Amino acid sequence: IGMLASPVTGGFADRSFFGVAQIKESDGHRILYHGMTVHGTQGLDPETALRPTTYYAPETPIGQVFQSYEASGHVAVVGLGTGSVACYAQPGQIYTYYEIDPLVAKLASDPEHFTYLSECTPDAEIMIGDGRLNLTAQPAGKYDLMLIDAFSSSSVPTHLLTREALDLYLSRLSEEGVLVMHVSNKFMLLPRIVARITDDLGVPALYQFYSPSKAQKVHFESHASQVVIIARNEAALAEFAASEDWVVLKGDGKRAWTDSYTNVLGAMLEKQF
C-alpha cells in the first residue's frame, strides 16, 4: 500500500537564538514558519508574487490601512516576517524594518526565498535588535505609519504590550500618524489588553476582526486577523471610523499592563472580546 504524498514540498530550515525558522512550499505558495507559527507567505506565480497574502492581503485590516497611506513619509514595521507589507510602498515613502531575529531578516532579504523586500523596498533599512529599544533611539514624531506585528506566536513579548511601550510608539508618530497593532493570537485575548491601555492613555482606538472565506484561508490568500489602530488624535482615524468594518475600541476598566505589571494567565483565561 503506497503512502500519500505530503502536500508540502521543498524546504529550508535553520536555527537562531530565537528558534527554528523553516521555509516550505504548499499550494503554490512559499511559507515562512517560525516555530509552529506562519510568519508570511508569497505566491510562486510571478504574475501575483508581489500581492501581499495572509494577514497582509489588501482586504485585511492591515492591508486596508497600508493601502490608504499614499503620502510621502516614513513607515516603521516592527516584526519583519517575509516583508509582505513592503509592496504597499509608494514613491516618496521610506520604510524601516525592526526585527529581533537576524535569521528572519536574512531569509526575508534573500530573493532566492522571498522577493517582497528586494522588489518593493530594496533600499530600506533593517534594524536588528529589540524593536522597542531601537524605536527609543528614533526622534519624536518621525513616523507617519507604524505597524507592530510581533504577537502572533505562542511566546508573546509582553514588554511590547505595556502602557509605556504604547506611549513610546505614539511619541514616535507624527501628529496625523497611525499606529497599527496586529493582535491576533491563539492563546491570549490581546485586543482587550490594548483596550485597557488606550483607555488609560486617553487616546482613540478602533478595532476590526477580519474573517476570510474558507477558500481564501486554505489557499493562503488571506487569513483571519484581529487588528487595532491607534492615533494621537481622532482626526487621524476619521477615514476608518467612517467605515462599518471598524468599531471603537473600549476597555473594561480593569488594570492596564505596565512595565511593572502584566497578567499573562489572565489574558489566557479571557474567553470573549
Protein backbone atom coordinates (compact mmCIF):
# COMPACT_ATOMS: atom_id res chain seq x y z
CA ILE A 1 0.00 0.00 0.00
CA GLY A 2 1.55 3.26 -1.11
CA MET A 3 1.82 6.25 1.25
CA LEU A 4 0.11 9.51 0.40
CA ALA A 5 2.50 12.21 -0.71
CA SER A 6 2.79 15.24 1.55
CA PRO A 7 1.17 18.40 0.11
CA VAL A 8 4.14 20.36 1.46
CA THR A 9 7.27 20.26 -0.67
CA GLY A 10 10.61 21.94 -0.88
CA GLY A 11 12.13 23.17 2.31
CA PHE A 12 14.76 25.03 4.24
CA ALA A 13 15.39 25.07 7.96
CA ASP A 14 17.82 26.86 10.22
CA ARG A 15 18.02 27.78 13.87
CA SER A 16 18.87 31.01 15.60
CA PHE A 17 18.83 32.03 19.24
CA PHE A 18 15.12 32.82 18.81
CA GLY A 19 14.07 29.43 17.45
CA VAL A 20 13.76 27.41 14.26
CA ALA A 21 12.80 29.11 11.00
CA GLN A 22 11.54 26.91 8.18
CA ILE A 23 10.57 27.62 4.60
CA LYS A 24 8.21 25.21 2.87
CA GLU A 25 6.12 25.21 -0.30
CA SER A 26 2.45 24.29 -0.48
CA ASP A 27 -0.45 25.07 -2.79
CA GLY A 28 1.51 27.47 -4.96
CA HIS A 29 2.97 29.45 -2.05
CA ARG A 30 6.27 29.64 -0.23
CA ILE A 31 5.69 29.78 3.52
CA LEU A 32 7.86 31.05 6.36
CA TYR A 33 7.31 29.27 9.66
CA HIS A 34 8.87 30.37 12.92
CA GLY A 35 8.28 27.50 15.29
CA MET A 36 4.68 26.47 14.55
CA THR A 37 3.53 29.96 13.51
CA VAL A 38 3.16 31.16 9.92
CA HIS A 39 5.06 34.42 9.58
CA GLY A 40 4.11 35.10 5.99
CA THR A 41 3.79 33.53 2.57
CA GLN A 42 4.48 34.51 -1.03
CA GLY A 43 2.82 33.23 -4.18
CA LEU A 44 5.06 31.34 -6.59
CA ASP A 45 3.22 32.62 -9.67
CA PRO A 46 5.29 35.58 -10.98
CA GLU A 47 2.13 37.44 -12.00
CA THR A 48 0.82 37.60 -8.45
CA ALA A 49 4.00 37.16 -6.42
CA LEU A 50 4.06 40.75 -5.17
CA ARG A 51 0.48 40.70 -3.90
CA PRO A 52 0.62 40.52 -0.08
CA THR A 53 -1.06 37.44 1.35
CA THR A 54 -2.28 36.01 4.68
CA TYR A 55 -2.66 38.72 7.36
CA TYR A 56 -1.41 41.41 4.96
CA ALA A 57 -3.66 40.91 1.91
CA PRO A 58 -5.38 44.05 0.57
CA GLU A 59 -8.76 43.06 2.03
CA THR A 60 -7.42 42.53 5.57
CA PRO A 61 -7.35 45.29 8.21
CA ILE A 62 -3.58 45.73 7.80
CA GLY A 63 -3.98 45.85 4.03
CA GLN A 64 -6.76 48.42 4.31
CA VAL A 65 -4.60 50.78 6.37
CA PHE A 66 -1.47 50.41 4.25
CA GLN A 67 -3.42 50.96 1.03
CA SER A 68 -4.90 54.16 2.44
CA TYR A 69 -1.47 55.65 3.13
CA GLU A 70 -0.37 57.29 -0.12
CA ALA A 71 1.54 60.37 1.02
CA SER A 72 5.31 60.59 1.22
CA GLY A 73 6.78 59.99 4.66
CA HIS A 74 8.28 57.41 6.98
CA VAL A 75 6.92 53.94 7.78
CA ALA A 76 8.10 51.69 10.63
CA VAL A 77 7.42 47.95 10.67
CA VAL A 78 8.24 46.08 13.90
CA GLY A 79 8.29 42.37 13.12
CA LEU A 80 9.52 41.63 9.60
CA GLY A 81 8.25 38.16 8.68
CA THR A 82 8.54 37.79 4.90
CA GLY A 83 8.30 41.55 4.41
CA SER A 84 4.81 41.33 2.86
CA VAL A 85 3.80 44.95 3.52
CA ALA A 86 6.79 46.21 1.52
CA CYS A 87 4.73 46.06 -1.64
CA TYR A 88 2.33 48.71 -0.36
CA ALA A 89 5.20 51.23 -0.53
CA GLN A 90 4.57 54.31 -2.66
CA PRO A 91 7.09 56.76 -4.19
CA GLY A 92 8.46 59.09 -1.52
CA GLN A 93 7.81 56.66 1.32
CA ILE A 94 10.76 55.47 3.40
CA TYR A 95 10.36 52.11 5.11
CA THR A 96 12.37 50.95 8.12
CA TYR A 97 12.04 47.40 9.43
CA TYR A 98 12.72 46.37 13.03
CA GLU A 99 13.45 42.67 13.50
CA ILE A 100 14.90 40.94 16.54
CA ASP A 101 15.92 37.73 14.75
CA PRO A 102 18.79 38.14 12.27
CA LEU A 103 17.88 34.82 10.65
CA VAL A 104 14.40 36.09 9.74
CA ALA A 105 15.96 39.28 8.32
CA LYS A 106 18.38 37.19 6.26
CA LEU A 107 15.64 34.99 4.80
CA ALA A 108 13.28 37.86 4.01
CA SER A 109 16.09 39.77 2.29
CA ASP A 110 17.21 36.87 0.11
CA PRO A 111 15.34 36.89 -3.24
CA GLU A 112 16.05 33.18 -3.53
CA HIS A 113 13.45 32.79 -0.78
CA PHE A 114 11.18 35.87 -0.81
CA THR A 115 11.15 38.93 -3.09
CA TYR A 116 8.84 41.42 -1.32
CA LEU A 117 11.77 43.37 0.11
CA SER A 118 14.14 43.14 -2.85
CA GLU A 119 11.46 44.15 -5.35
CA CYS A 120 9.43 46.73 -3.42
CA THR A 121 11.70 48.36 -0.81
CA PRO A 122 15.23 47.41 -1.88
CA ASP A 123 16.84 50.37 -0.12
CA ALA A 124 15.00 50.02 3.19
CA GLU A 125 16.99 49.71 6.40
CA ILE A 126 16.54 46.65 8.60
CA MET A 127 17.33 47.39 12.23
CA ILE A 128 18.34 44.19 14.04
CA GLY A 129 17.52 44.04 17.73
CA ASP A 130 14.64 44.61 20.12
CA GLY A 131 12.09 46.82 18.38
CA ARG A 132 11.17 48.84 21.44
CA LEU A 133 14.78 49.63 22.29
CA ASN A 134 15.57 50.61 18.72
CA LEU A 135 12.50 52.85 18.49
CA THR A 136 13.62 54.62 21.65
CA ALA A 137 16.62 55.90 19.72
CA GLN A 138 14.44 57.45 16.99
CA PRO A 139 13.32 61.09 17.08
CA ALA A 140 9.84 62.03 18.26
CA GLY A 141 7.23 62.36 15.52
CA LYS A 142 9.35 60.60 12.88
CA TYR A 143 6.85 58.06 11.55
CA ASP A 144 3.58 58.58 9.71
CA LEU A 145 2.61 54.91 9.83
CA MET A 146 3.79 52.23 12.22
CA LEU A 147 3.00 48.52 12.32
CA ILE A 148 3.68 46.47 15.44
CA ASP A 149 3.46 42.84 14.38
CA ALA A 150 5.15 40.67 16.97
CA PHE A 151 2.33 38.95 18.85
CA SER A 152 1.10 36.01 16.76
CA SER A 153 3.38 33.32 18.19
CA SER A 154 2.87 31.34 21.40
CA SER A 155 5.57 33.38 23.16
CA VAL A 156 4.29 36.95 23.32
CA PRO A 157 6.85 39.71 24.03
CA THR A 158 4.83 41.40 26.77
CA HIS A 159 7.25 44.34 27.01
CA LEU A 160 5.87 45.44 23.62
CA LEU A 161 2.33 45.49 25.07
CA THR A 162 2.59 47.79 28.07
CA ARG A 163 1.42 51.32 28.73
CA GLU A 164 4.99 52.58 28.47
CA ALA A 165 5.51 50.75 25.18
CA LEU A 166 2.38 52.22 23.56
CA ASP A 167 3.27 55.64 24.88
CA LEU A 168 6.65 55.28 23.16
CA TYR A 169 5.08 54.20 19.86
CA LEU A 170 2.70 57.15 19.88
CA SER A 171 5.51 59.57 20.69
CA ARG A 172 7.33 58.39 17.56
CA LEU A 173 4.26 59.04 15.40
CA SER A 174 3.61 62.30 13.61
CA GLU A 175 0.54 64.26 14.71
CA GLU A 176 -1.58 62.62 11.99
CA GLY A 177 0.22 59.27 12.14
CA VAL A 178 -1.48 55.90 12.62
CA LEU A 179 -0.27 53.02 14.77
CA VAL A 180 -1.36 49.56 13.59
CA MET A 181 -1.17 46.66 16.05
CA HIS A 182 -1.66 43.12 14.79
CA VAL A 183 -3.05 41.40 17.88
CA SER A 184 -4.10 38.01 16.53
CA ASN A 185 -3.08 35.28 18.96
CA LYS A 186 -4.29 31.72 19.60
CA PHE A 187 -3.66 31.79 23.33
CA MET A 188 -4.32 35.31 24.61
CA LEU A 189 -7.07 37.87 24.13
CA LEU A 190 -4.79 40.75 23.21
CA PRO A 191 -7.32 43.31 21.89
CA ARG A 192 -8.70 43.68 25.40
CA ILE A 193 -5.18 44.20 26.75
CA VAL A 194 -4.63 47.00 24.26
CA ALA A 195 -8.07 48.49 25.02
CA ARG A 196 -7.20 48.90 28.70
CA ILE A 197 -4.01 50.72 27.77
CA THR A 198 -5.59 53.07 25.23
CA ASP A 199 -8.27 53.93 27.78
CA ASP A 200 -5.56 54.61 30.34
CA LEU A 201 -3.65 56.80 27.89
CA GLY A 202 -6.82 58.55 26.73
CA VAL A 203 -6.14 58.03 23.02
CA PRO A 204 -8.59 56.98 20.28
CA ALA A 205 -8.53 53.39 19.04
CA LEU A 206 -10.50 51.29 16.56
CA TYR A 207 -10.75 47.51 16.25
CA GLN A 208 -11.51 45.13 13.41
CA PHE A 209 -11.88 41.36 13.32
CA TYR A 210 -11.48 40.12 9.77
CA SER A 211 -12.63 36.68 8.65
CA PRO A 212 -11.87 35.48 5.11
CA SER A 213 -13.77 32.91 3.11
CA LYS A 214 -12.74 29.29 3.58
CA ALA A 215 -11.18 29.21 0.10
CA GLN A 216 -9.12 32.33 0.77
CA LYS A 217 -7.77 30.89 4.01
CA VAL A 218 -6.98 27.46 2.56
CA HIS A 219 -5.12 28.98 -0.37
CA PHE A 220 -3.16 31.48 1.77
CA GLU A 221 -4.83 34.42 0.02
CA SER A 222 -5.83 35.95 3.35
CA HIS A 223 -6.08 34.86 6.97
CA ALA A 224 -8.36 35.83 9.81
CA SER A 225 -6.88 38.64 11.85
CA GLN A 226 -7.55 40.97 14.75
CA VAL A 227 -6.14 44.45 14.37
CA VAL A 228 -6.23 47.63 16.45
CA ILE A 229 -5.40 51.08 15.06
CA ILE A 230 -4.47 53.92 17.40
CA ALA A 231 -3.59 57.57 16.91
CA ARG A 232 -2.71 60.67 18.86
CA ASN A 233 -5.99 62.32 17.83
CA GLU A 234 -9.35 61.27 16.42
CA ALA A 235 -8.85 63.12 13.12
CA ALA A 236 -6.11 60.68 12.16
CA LEU A 237 -8.60 57.79 12.37
CA ALA A 238 -11.58 59.59 10.78
CA GLU A 239 -11.36 57.70 7.47
CA PHE A 240 -11.54 54.35 9.24
CA ALA A 241 -14.12 55.43 11.83
CA ALA A 242 -16.48 56.17 8.91
CA SER A 243 -16.30 52.53 7.82
CA GLU A 244 -18.62 49.93 9.33
CA ASP A 245 -15.71 47.48 9.33
CA TRP A 246 -14.07 49.30 12.24
CA VAL A 247 -15.56 49.71 15.72
CA VAL A 248 -14.50 51.90 18.61
CA LEU A 249 -12.23 50.01 20.99
CA LYS A 250 -13.18 50.41 24.64
CA GLY A 251 -11.63 48.93 27.75
CA ASP A 252 -13.44 47.24 30.62
CA GLY A 253 -11.98 49.28 33.44
CA LYS A 254 -9.54 46.62 34.54
CA ARG A 255 -5.88 47.28 35.25
CA ALA A 256 -3.72 48.11 32.24
CA TRP A 257 -0.46 46.31 31.66
CA THR A 258 2.63 48.33 32.53
CA ASP A 259 6.35 47.64 32.69
CA SER A 260 5.83 46.64 36.31
CA TYR A 261 2.58 44.68 35.88
CA THR A 262 1.46 42.09 33.32
CA ASN A 263 -1.02 39.25 33.72
CA VAL A 264 -0.41 36.63 31.04
CA LEU A 265 -2.54 33.98 32.76
CA GLY A 266 -5.45 36.40 32.97
CA ALA A 267 -5.15 37.15 29.26
CA MET A 268 -5.21 33.43 28.51
CA LEU A 269 -8.33 32.93 30.63
CA GLU A 270 -10.30 35.68 28.91
CA LYS A 271 -12.89 33.88 26.79
CA GLN A 272 -14.52 36.55 24.70
CA PHE A 273 -13.81 40.02 23.42
